[in-house]
Amino acid sequence: MLSDNDVRNLENLCKENRKNILKMVYNAQSGHIGGAMSAVELLTVLYHKCMNVCPKWTDDPNFNNRDRFVLSKGHASSVLYSVLSQLGYFPEDELMTFRIFGSRLQGHPMPDCPGIEVATGSLGQGLSIACGIAMGLRLDKNPAHVFCLMGDGELQEGSVWEAFMHCAHEKLNNIIAIIDRNRLQIDGCTEVVKSLDKLDEKLKAFNWDVIKINGHDIKAVYEAIEKAEKAEKPVAIIADTVKGKGVSFMENNAGWHGKAPNKEEFAHAMAELE
């Protein structure tokens, strides 16, 4: 269980992550703010309280038993980089090299960056990669879990459902899919582009356990992940979120899927996060 102090600390980390996302995208004048902001609580709680992480990376004697994370929605890399810097995978000042040529912090994650397992960003592929990793861990009798954060827009791709089907077929109880259900994608509302509801019933029909939560409720996120880790079959956590969460003029606005703020917008957004 999380204490009230734990929740306060995580709230402060979330605020720091939102500020970092804004700074990174503003500095690069390129990036994806909306879907990074919606995933802040999900990744902050996952990395700081639930996953077995190895900040020292290959120097850690428990490296092989680390939990694995796949950012299927790779365009939201800024939130992942911010969280990794908090945990000491690389210096915080390196965040300002985001999307700069030659940086380890590219627009989509690359494995030459400490803490990144695989290159991602071709939407609809992450769960297949996570499935393969989970199968490998089971063959090695490795107790680690694999977490895959997915955008809801990418669930419109057929490859995702092949992966859902295969995970269930293989009875992979070491894989947890977290779906950032902010209901917006680059072309607008997911339900207008290609309807996903009722998503929970679809996933249950594919023989997955399903947990639905408010993706901005820190305790709910923690409890869902803790429950999912004890399940006997694959688990999908459907996290209802708000795209652009934390900045009023970005919230629920598909226009902020992939653009950088100007000087005035940046100042306004940072002021709201104080």
C-alpha atoms as a PDB file:
ATOM      1  CA  MET A   1       0.000   0.000   0.000  1.00  0.00           C
ATOM      2  CA  LEU A   2       1.060   3.566  -0.635  1.00  0.00           C
ATOM      3  CA  SER A   3       1.271   5.908   2.337  1.00  0.00           C
ATOM      4  CA  ASP A   4       0.072   9.501   2.137  1.00  0.00           C
ATOM      5  CA  ASN A   5       3.734  10.518   2.093  1.00  0.00           C
ATOM      6  CA  ASP A   6       4.361   8.174  -0.840  1.00  0.00           C
ATOM      7  CA  VAL A   7       1.485   9.773  -2.733  1.00  0.00           C
ATOM      8  CA  ARG A   8       2.784  13.286  -2.057  1.00  0.00           C
ATOM      9  CA  ASN A   9       6.265  12.327  -3.230  1.00  0.00           C
ATOM     10  CA  LEU A  10       4.866  10.765  -6.393  1.00  0.00           C
ATOM     11  CA  GLU A  11       2.707  13.824  -7.048  1.00  0.00           C
ATOM     12  CA  ASN A  12       5.828  15.998  -6.845  1.00  0.00           C
ATOM     13  CA  LEU A  13       7.676  13.668  -9.211  1.00  0.00           C
ATOM     14  CA  CYS A  14       4.733  13.844 -11.632  1.00  0.00           C
ATOM     15  CA  LYS A  15       4.822  17.632 -11.556  1.00  0.00           C
ATOM     16  CA  GLU A  16       8.557  17.558 -12.239  1.00  0.00           C
ATOM     17  CA  ASN A  17       8.001  15.182 -15.155  1.00  0.00           C
ATOM     18  CA  ARG A  18       5.388  17.455 -16.708  1.00  0.00           C
ATOM     19  CA  LYS A  19       7.727  20.421 -16.437  1.00  0.00           C
ATOM     20  CA  ASN A  20      10.538  18.395 -17.995  1.00  0.00           C
ATOM     21  CA  ILE A  21       8.327  17.347 -20.908  1.00  0.00           C
ATOM     22  CA  LEU A  22       7.482  20.977 -21.616  1.00  0.00           C
ATOM     23  CA  LYS A  23      11.113  22.089 -21.343  1.00  0.00           C
ATOM     24  CA  MET A  24      12.358  19.291 -23.593  1.00  0.00           C
ATOM     25  CA  VAL A  25       9.829  19.841 -26.369  1.00  0.00           C
ATOM     26  CA  TYR A  26      10.120  23.625 -26.165  1.00  0.00           C
ATOM     27  CA  ASN A  27      13.910  23.489 -26.278  1.00  0.00           C
ATOM     28  CA  ALA A  28      13.879  21.136 -29.292  1.00  0.00           C
ATOM     29  CA  GLN A  29      10.871  22.883 -30.882  1.00  0.00           C
ATOM     30  CA  SER A  30       9.775  19.377 -31.743  1.00  0.00           C
ATOM     31  CA  GLY A  31       8.030  16.527 -29.949  1.00  0.00           C
ATOM     32  CA  HIS A  32       4.782  15.119 -28.684  1.00  0.00           C
ATOM     33  CA  ILE A  33       3.461  16.792 -25.550  1.00  0.00           C
ATOM     34  CA  GLY A  34      -0.147  15.566 -25.404  1.00  0.00           C
ATOM     35  CA  GLY A  35       0.449  11.819 -25.175  1.00  0.00           C
ATOM     36  CA  ALA A  36       3.465  12.268 -22.919  1.00  0.00           C
ATOM     37  CA  MET A  37       1.449  14.319 -20.421  1.00  0.00           C
ATOM     38  CA  SER A  38      -1.354  11.758 -20.325  1.00  0.00           C
ATOM     39  CA  ALA A  39       1.099   8.995 -19.367  1.00  0.00           C
ATOM     40  CA  VAL A  40       2.910  10.815 -16.551  1.00  0.00           C
ATOM     41  CA  GLU A  41       1.239   9.108 -13.578  1.00  0.00           C
ATOM     42  CA  LEU A  42       1.408   5.720 -15.298  1.00  0.00           C
ATOM     43  CA  LEU A  43       5.172   5.803 -15.809  1.00  0.00           C
ATOM     44  CA  THR A  44       6.020   7.655 -12.611  1.00  0.00           C
ATOM     45  CA  VAL A  45       4.262   5.103 -10.417  1.00  0.00           C
ATOM     46  CA  LEU A  46       5.434   2.145 -12.513  1.00  0.00           C
ATOM     47  CA  TYR A  47       9.125   3.040 -12.364  1.00  0.00           C
ATOM     48  CA  HIS A  48       9.329   4.545  -8.894  1.00  0.00           C
ATOM     49  CA  LYS A  49       7.156   2.053  -7.005  1.00  0.00           C
ATOM     50  CA  CYS A  50       6.407  -1.120  -8.981  1.00  0.00           C
ATOM     51  CA  MET A  51       9.113  -2.177 -11.427  1.00  0.00           C
ATOM     52  CA  ASN A  52      12.347  -3.888 -10.506  1.00  0.00           C
ATOM     53  CA  VAL A  53      14.696  -1.372 -12.121  1.00  0.00           C
ATOM     54  CA  CYS A  54      18.469  -1.247 -12.534  1.00  0.00           C
ATOM     55  CA  PRO A  55      19.624   2.379 -12.753  1.00  0.00           C
ATOM     56  CA  LYS A  56      23.262   1.289 -12.908  1.00  0.00           C
ATOM     57  CA  TRP A  57      22.238  -0.801 -15.901  1.00  0.00           C
ATOM     58  CA  THR A  58      24.864  -3.477 -16.740  1.00  0.00           C
ATOM     59  CA  ASP A  59      26.820  -2.801 -13.527  1.00  0.00           C
ATOM     60  CA  ASP A  60      23.905  -4.096 -11.468  1.00  0.00           C
ATOM     61  CA  PRO A  61      24.331  -7.759 -10.402  1.00  0.00           C
ATOM     62  CA  ASN A  62      20.552  -8.205 -10.717  1.00  0.00           C
ATOM     63  CA  PHE A  63      20.555  -6.881 -14.282  1.00  0.00           C
ATOM     64  CA  ASN A  64      19.148 -10.063 -15.821  1.00  0.00           C
ATOM     65  CA  ASN A  65      16.243 -10.152 -13.372  1.00  0.00           C
ATOM     66  CA  ARG A  66      15.147  -6.568 -14.080  1.00  0.00           C
ATOM     67  CA  ASP A  67      11.602  -5.982 -15.243  1.00  0.00           C
ATOM     68  CA  ARG A  68      11.420  -4.974 -18.895  1.00  0.00           C
ATOM     69  CA  PHE A  69       9.537  -1.988 -20.286  1.00  0.00           C
ATOM     70  CA  VAL A  70       8.479  -1.384 -23.877  1.00  0.00           C
ATOM     71  CA  LEU A  71       7.197   2.062 -24.848  1.00  0.00           C
ATOM     72  CA  SER A  72       5.013   1.049 -27.768  1.00  0.00           C
ATOM     73  CA  LYS A  73       3.809   4.642 -28.157  1.00  0.00           C
ATOM     74  CA  GLY A  74       7.395   5.671 -28.801  1.00  0.00           C
ATOM     75  CA  HIS A  75       6.536   9.247 -29.746  1.00  0.00           C
ATOM     76  CA  ALA A  76       5.847   9.879 -26.021  1.00  0.00           C
ATOM     77  CA  SER A  77       9.525   9.339 -25.276  1.00  0.00           C
ATOM     78  CA  SER A  78       9.941  12.605 -23.368  1.00  0.00           C
ATOM     79  CA  VAL A  79       8.058  11.287 -20.328  1.00  0.00           C
ATOM     80  CA  LEU A  80      10.145   8.102 -20.282  1.00  0.00           C
ATOM     81  CA  TYR A  81      13.415  10.046 -20.494  1.00  0.00           C
ATOM     82  CA  SER A  82      12.315  12.302 -17.652  1.00  0.00           C
ATOM     83  CA  VAL A  83      11.497   9.324 -15.423  1.00  0.00           C
ATOM     84  CA  LEU A  84      14.762   7.572 -16.284  1.00  0.00           C
ATOM     85  CA  SER A  85      16.717  10.708 -15.361  1.00  0.00           C
ATOM     86  CA  GLN A  86      14.949  10.824 -11.991  1.00  0.00           C
ATOM     87  CA  LEU A  87      16.171   7.299 -11.323  1.00  0.00           C
ATOM     88  CA  GLY A  88      19.743   8.072 -12.278  1.00  0.00           C
ATOM     89  CA  TYR A  89      20.050   6.307 -15.629  1.00  0.00           C
ATOM     90  CA  PHE A  90      21.673   9.477 -16.995  1.00  0.00           C
ATOM     91  CA  PRO A  91      22.204  13.078 -15.786  1.00  0.00           C
ATOM     92  CA  GLU A  92      19.147  15.339 -15.682  1.00  0.00           C
ATOM     93  CA  ASP A  93      20.884  18.024 -17.737  1.00  0.00           C
ATOM     94  CA  GLU A  94      21.054  15.567 -20.631  1.00  0.00           C
ATOM     95  CA  LEU A  95      17.288  16.004 -21.026  1.00  0.00           C
ATOM     96  CA  MET A  96      17.955  19.255 -22.871  1.00  0.00           C
ATOM     97  CA  THR A  97      19.639  17.289 -25.667  1.00  0.00           C
ATOM     98  CA  PHE A  98      16.236  15.772 -26.535  1.00  0.00           C
ATOM     99  CA  ARG A  99      15.776  15.403 -30.304  1.00  0.00           C
ATOM    100  CA  ILE A 100      19.127  17.028 -31.042  1.00  0.00           C
ATOM    101  CA  PHE A 101      21.216  15.269 -33.698  1.00  0.00           C
ATOM    102  CA  GLY A 102      23.680  12.872 -32.086  1.00  0.00           C
ATOM    103  CA  SER A 103      21.900  12.797 -28.725  1.00  0.00           C
ATOM    104  CA  ARG A 104      21.089   9.557 -26.934  1.00  0.00           C
ATOM    105  CA  LEU A 105      17.610  10.992 -26.339  1.00  0.00           C
ATOM    106  CA  GLN A 106      16.084  10.769 -29.769  1.00  0.00           C
ATOM    107  CA  GLY A 107      12.439  11.482 -30.594  1.00  0.00           C
ATOM    108  CA  HIS A 108      11.724   7.765 -30.422  1.00  0.00           C
ATOM    109  CA  PRO A 109      13.586   5.571 -27.920  1.00  0.00           C
ATOM    110  CA  MET A 110      16.804   3.916 -29.026  1.00  0.00           C
ATOM    111  CA  PRO A 111      18.649   1.195 -27.068  1.00  0.00           C
ATOM    112  CA  ASP A 112      21.912   3.150 -27.006  1.00  0.00           C
ATOM    113  CA  CYS A 113      20.231   5.220 -24.274  1.00  0.00           C
ATOM    114  CA  PRO A 114      20.596   3.695 -20.777  1.00  0.00           C
ATOM    115  CA  GLY A 115      17.330   2.122 -19.644  1.00  0.00           C
ATOM    116  CA  ILE A 116      15.884   1.614 -23.121  1.00  0.00           C
ATOM    117  CA  GLU A 117      15.316  -2.050 -23.992  1.00  0.00           C
ATOM    118  CA  VAL A 118      14.271  -1.760 -27.642  1.00  0.00           C
ATOM    119  CA  ALA A 119      13.796   0.828 -30.379  1.00  0.00           C
ATOM    120  CA  THR A 120      10.116   1.679 -30.736  1.00  0.00           C
ATOM    121  CA  GLY A 121       7.863   4.117 -32.512  1.00  0.00           C
ATOM    122  CA  SER A 122       6.401   2.181 -35.408  1.00  0.00           C
ATOM    123  CA  LEU A 123       2.942   2.071 -33.872  1.00  0.00           C
ATOM    124  CA  GLY A 124       1.268  -1.292 -33.421  1.00  0.00           C
ATOM    125  CA  GLN A 125       4.539  -3.207 -32.918  1.00  0.00           C
ATOM    126  CA  GLY A 126       5.322  -2.781 -29.222  1.00  0.00           C
ATOM    127  CA  LEU A 127       3.083  -5.502 -27.839  1.00  0.00           C
ATOM    128  CA  SER A 128       4.511  -8.038 -30.287  1.00  0.00           C
ATOM    129  CA  ILE A 129       8.005  -7.150 -29.091  1.00  0.00           C
ATOM    130  CA  ALA A 130       6.899  -7.402 -25.446  1.00  0.00           C
ATOM    131  CA  CYS A 131       5.299 -10.766 -26.164  1.00  0.00           C
ATOM    132  CA  GLY A 132       8.567 -12.115 -27.559  1.00  0.00           C
ATOM    133  CA  ILE A 133      10.506 -10.826 -24.557  1.00  0.00           C
ATOM    134  CA  ALA A 134       7.994 -12.415 -22.170  1.00  0.00           C
ATOM    135  CA  MET A 135       8.283 -15.760 -23.939  1.00  0.00           C
ATOM    136  CA  GLY A 136      12.069 -15.588 -23.721  1.00  0.00           C
ATOM    137  CA  LEU A 137      11.962 -14.796 -20.011  1.00  0.00           C
ATOM    138  CA  ARG A 138       9.676 -17.755 -19.394  1.00  0.00           C
ATOM    139  CA  LEU A 139      12.010 -20.092 -21.292  1.00  0.00           C
ATOM    140  CA  ASP A 140      14.869 -18.843 -19.113  1.00  0.00           C
ATOM    141  CA  LYS A 141      12.750 -19.312 -15.980  1.00  0.00           C
ATOM    142  CA  ASN A 142      13.349 -15.631 -15.269  1.00  0.00           C
ATOM    143  CA  PRO A 143      10.806 -14.141 -12.798  1.00  0.00           C
ATOM    144  CA  ALA A 144      10.816 -10.689 -14.414  1.00  0.00           C
ATOM    145  CA  HIS A 145       7.710  -9.023 -15.817  1.00  0.00           C
ATOM    146  CA  VAL A 146       7.329  -7.188 -19.108  1.00  0.00           C
ATOM    147  CA  PHE A 147       5.319  -3.961 -19.177  1.00  0.00           C
ATOM    148  CA  CYS A 148       4.128  -2.434 -22.433  1.00  0.00           C
ATOM    149  CA  LEU A 149       2.641   1.063 -22.577  1.00  0.00           C
ATOM    150  CA  MET A 150       0.373   1.459 -25.575  1.00  0.00           C
ATOM    151  CA  GLY A 151      -1.582   4.331 -27.042  1.00  0.00           C
ATOM    152  CA  ASP A 152      -5.232   3.721 -27.733  1.00  0.00           C
ATOM    153  CA  GLY A 153      -4.925   4.945 -31.333  1.00  0.00           C
ATOM    154  CA  GLU A 154      -2.472   2.155 -32.156  1.00  0.00           C
ATOM    155  CA  LEU A 155      -5.052  -0.405 -31.052  1.00  0.00           C
ATOM    156  CA  GLN A 156      -6.689   0.245 -34.423  1.00  0.00           C
ATOM    157  CA  GLU A 157      -3.901  -1.797 -36.017  1.00  0.00           C
ATOM    158  CA  GLY A 158      -4.360  -5.498 -36.687  1.00  0.00           C
ATOM    159  CA  SER A 159      -0.893  -6.474 -35.494  1.00  0.00           C
ATOM    160  CA  VAL A 160      -1.886  -5.454 -31.965  1.00  0.00           C
ATOM    161  CA  TRP A 161      -4.726  -7.948 -31.893  1.00  0.00           C
ATOM    162  CA  GLU A 162      -2.511 -10.729 -33.222  1.00  0.00           C
ATOM    163  CA  ALA A 163      -0.228 -10.023 -30.273  1.00  0.00           C
ATOM    164  CA  PHE A 164      -3.130  -9.991 -27.807  1.00  0.00           C
ATOM    165  CA  MET A 165      -4.225 -13.346 -29.201  1.00  0.00           C
ATOM    166  CA  HIS A 166      -0.734 -14.860 -29.029  1.00  0.00           C
ATOM    167  CA  CYS A 167      -0.067 -13.708 -25.455  1.00  0.00           C
ATOM    168  CA  ALA A 168      -3.276 -15.382 -24.333  1.00  0.00           C
ATOM    169  CA  HIS A 169      -2.537 -18.510 -26.356  1.00  0.00           C
ATOM    170  CA  GLU A 170       0.854 -18.796 -24.664  1.00  0.00           C
ATOM    171  CA  LYS A 171      -0.699 -18.053 -21.247  1.00  0.00           C
ATOM    172  CA  LEU A 172       1.887 -15.359 -20.560  1.00  0.00           C
ATOM    173  CA  ASN A 173       1.186 -14.266 -16.996  1.00  0.00           C
ATOM    174  CA  ASN A 174       4.411 -12.224 -17.022  1.00  0.00           C
ATOM    175  CA  ILE A 175       3.149  -9.574 -19.454  1.00  0.00           C
ATOM    176  CA  ILE A 176       1.130  -6.480 -18.549  1.00  0.00           C
ATOM    177  CA  ALA A 177      -0.224  -4.113 -21.184  1.00  0.00           C
ATOM    178  CA  ILE A 178      -1.016  -0.597 -20.001  1.00  0.00           C
ATOM    179  CA  ILE A 179      -3.310   1.255 -22.386  1.00  0.00           C
ATOM    180  CA  ASP A 180      -3.199   5.039 -22.274  1.00  0.00           C
ATOM    181  CA  ARG A 181      -6.877   5.610 -23.083  1.00  0.00           C
ATOM    182  CA  ASN A 182      -6.875   9.358 -23.720  1.00  0.00           C
ATOM    183  CA  ARG A 183      -9.290   8.914 -26.668  1.00  0.00           C
ATOM    184  CA  LEU A 184      -7.363  11.244 -28.984  1.00  0.00           C
ATOM    185  CA  GLN A 185      -4.910  10.581 -31.783  1.00  0.00           C
ATOM    186  CA  ILE A 186      -3.267  12.719 -34.437  1.00  0.00           C
ATOM    187  CA  ASP A 187      -6.402  12.678 -36.615  1.00  0.00           C
ATOM    188  CA  GLY A 188      -8.804  13.454 -33.755  1.00  0.00           C
ATOM    189  CA  CYS A 189     -11.066  11.344 -31.562  1.00  0.00           C
ATOM    190  CA  THR A 190     -10.340   7.607 -31.626  1.00  0.00           C
ATOM    191  CA  GLU A 191     -14.038   6.820 -31.703  1.00  0.00           C
ATOM    192  CA  VAL A 192     -14.443   8.876 -34.880  1.00  0.00           C
ATOM    193  CA  VAL A 193     -11.317   7.572 -36.613  1.00  0.00           C
ATOM    194  CA  LYS A 194     -12.052   3.918 -35.791  1.00  0.00           C
ATOM    195  CA  SER A 195     -14.109   3.022 -32.744  1.00  0.00           C
ATOM    196  CA  LEU A 196     -12.486   0.884 -30.035  1.00  0.00           C
ATOM    197  CA  ASP A 197     -15.332   0.608 -27.549  1.00  0.00           C
ATOM    198  CA  LYS A 198     -16.247  -1.474 -25.761  1.00  0.00           C
ATOM    199  CA  LEU A 199     -12.537  -2.046 -25.353  1.00  0.00           C
ATOM    200  CA  ASP A 200     -12.720  -3.981 -22.092  1.00  0.00           C
ATOM    201  CA  GLU A 201     -15.126  -6.521 -23.595  1.00  0.00           C
ATOM    202  CA  LYS A 202     -12.920  -6.956 -26.668  1.00  0.00           C
ATOM    203  CA  LEU A 203      -9.879  -7.696 -24.507  1.00  0.00           C
ATOM    204  CA  LYS A 204     -11.799 -10.122 -22.301  1.00  0.00           C
ATOM    205  CA  ALA A 205     -12.925 -11.934 -25.456  1.00  0.00           C
ATOM    206  CA  PHE A 206      -9.226 -12.369 -26.274  1.00  0.00           C
ATOM    207  CA  ASN A 207      -8.854 -14.075 -22.866  1.00  0.00           C
ATOM    208  CA  TRP A 208      -7.052 -11.240 -21.075  1.00  0.00           C
ATOM    209  CA  ASP A 209      -7.803 -10.078 -17.557  1.00  0.00           C
ATOM    210  CA  VAL A 210      -8.813  -6.417 -17.648  1.00  0.00           C
ATOM    211  CA  ILE A 211      -8.489  -3.702 -15.004  1.00  0.00           C
ATOM    212  CA  LYS A 212     -10.029  -0.282 -15.650  1.00  0.00           C
ATOM    213  CA  ILE A 213      -8.723   2.736 -13.727  1.00  0.00           C
ATOM    214  CA  ASN A 214      -8.408   6.497 -13.662  1.00  0.00           C
ATOM    215  CA  GLY A 215      -4.911   6.817 -15.102  1.00  0.00           C
ATOM    216  CA  HIS A 216      -4.212  10.008 -13.145  1.00  0.00           C
ATOM    217  CA  ASP A 217      -5.095   8.509  -9.751  1.00  0.00           C
ATOM    218  CA  ILE A 218      -1.762   7.522  -8.229  1.00  0.00           C
ATOM    219  CA  LYS A 219      -3.177   4.986  -5.786  1.00  0.00           C
ATOM    220  CA  ALA A 220      -5.354   3.415  -8.479  1.00  0.00           C
ATOM    221  CA  VAL A 221      -2.368   3.042 -10.806  1.00  0.00           C
ATOM    222  CA  TYR A 222      -0.269   1.452  -8.078  1.00  0.00           C
ATOM    223  CA  GLU A 223      -2.981  -0.970  -6.970  1.00  0.00           C
ATOM    224  CA  ALA A 224      -3.745  -2.014 -10.551  1.00  0.00           C
ATOM    225  CA  ILE A 225      -0.110  -2.830 -11.291  1.00  0.00           C
ATOM    226  CA  GLU A 226       0.307  -4.713  -8.015  1.00  0.00           C
ATOM    227  CA  LYS A 227      -2.802  -6.769  -8.796  1.00  0.00           C
ATOM    228  CA  ALA A 228      -1.708  -7.403 -12.389  1.00  0.00           C
ATOM    229  CA  GLU A 229       1.667  -8.763 -11.259  1.00  0.00           C
ATOM    230  CA  LYS A 230      -0.121 -11.507  -9.314  1.00  0.00           C
ATOM    231  CA  ALA A 231      -2.444 -12.589 -12.146  1.00  0.00           C
ATOM    232  CA  GLU A 232      -2.359 -16.008 -13.776  1.00  0.00           C
ATOM    233  CA  LYS A 233      -2.917 -14.747 -17.321  1.00  0.00           C
ATOM    234  CA  PRO A 234      -2.003 -11.655 -19.369  1.00  0.00           C
ATOM    235  CA  VAL A 235      -3.431  -8.436 -17.939  1.00  0.00           C
ATOM    236  CA  ALA A 236      -4.477  -5.238 -19.695  1.00  0.00           C
ATOM    237  CA  ILE A 237      -4.818  -2.108 -17.595  1.00  0.00           C
ATOM    238  CA  ILE A 238      -7.110   0.358 -19.352  1.00  0.00           C
ATOM    239  CA  ALA A 239      -6.148   3.740 -17.950  1.00  0.00           C
ATOM    240  CA  ASP A 240      -8.629   6.527 -18.660  1.00  0.00           C
ATOM    241  CA  THR A 241      -6.500   9.631 -19.117  1.00  0.00           C
ATOM    242  CA  VAL A 242      -6.588  13.193 -20.432  1.00  0.00           C
ATOM    243  CA  LYS A 243      -4.362  14.098 -23.347  1.00  0.00           C
ATOM    244  CA  GLY A 244      -2.213  17.101 -22.393  1.00  0.00           C
ATOM    245  CA  LYS A 245      -3.044  16.597 -18.695  1.00  0.00           C
ATOM    246  CA  GLY A 246      -1.861  19.443 -16.457  1.00  0.00           C
ATOM    247  CA  VAL A 247      -2.014  22.350 -18.891  1.00  0.00           C
ATOM    248  CA  SER A 248      -5.501  23.727 -19.400  1.00  0.00           C
ATOM    249  CA  PHE A 249      -5.204  24.788 -23.039  1.00  0.00           C
ATOM    250  CA  MET A 250      -3.579  21.480 -24.017  1.00  0.00           C
ATOM    251  CA  GLU A 251      -6.034  19.169 -22.269  1.00  0.00           C
ATOM    252  CA  ASN A 252      -8.302  17.125 -24.562  1.00  0.00           C
ATOM    253  CA  ASN A 253      -6.929  19.027 -27.559  1.00  0.00           C
ATOM    254  CA  ALA A 254      -5.760  16.818 -30.434  1.00  0.00           C
ATOM    255  CA  GLY A 255      -3.897  19.820 -31.851  1.00  0.00           C
ATOM    256  CA  TRP A 256      -1.273  19.295 -29.146  1.00  0.00           C
ATOM    257  CA  HIS A 257      -0.551  15.742 -30.258  1.00  0.00           C
ATOM    258  CA  GLY A 258       2.729  16.681 -31.888  1.00  0.00           C
ATOM    259  CA  LYS A 259       3.637  20.341 -31.812  1.00  0.00           C
ATOM    260  CA  ALA A 260       5.903  22.512 -29.684  1.00  0.00           C
ATOM    261  CA  PRO A 261       4.738  25.578 -27.738  1.00  0.00           C
ATOM    262  CA  ASN A 262       5.908  29.057 -28.633  1.00  0.00           C
ATOM    263  CA  LYS A 263       7.490  31.347 -26.028  1.00  0.00           C
ATOM    264  CA  GLU A 264       4.181  32.666 -24.685  1.00  0.00           C
ATOM    265  CA  GLU A 265       2.525  29.231 -24.593  1.00  0.00           C
ATOM    266  CA  PHE A 266       5.542  27.757 -22.830  1.00  0.00           C
ATOM    267  CA  ALA A 267       5.506  30.452 -20.144  1.00  0.00           C
ATOM    268  CA  HIS A 268       1.753  30.022 -19.639  1.00  0.00           C
ATOM    269  CA  ALA A 269       2.062  26.238 -19.382  1.00  0.00           C
ATOM    270  CA  MET A 270       4.959  26.351 -16.930  1.00  0.00           C
ATOM    271  CA  ALA A 271       3.064  28.846 -14.752  1.00  0.00           C
ATOM    272  CA  GLU A 272       0.097  26.467 -14.560  1.00  0.00           C
ATOM    273  CA  LEU A 273       2.383  23.686 -13.320  1.00  0.00           C
ATOM    274  CA  GLU A 274       3.847  25.713 -10.446  1.00  0.00           C
END
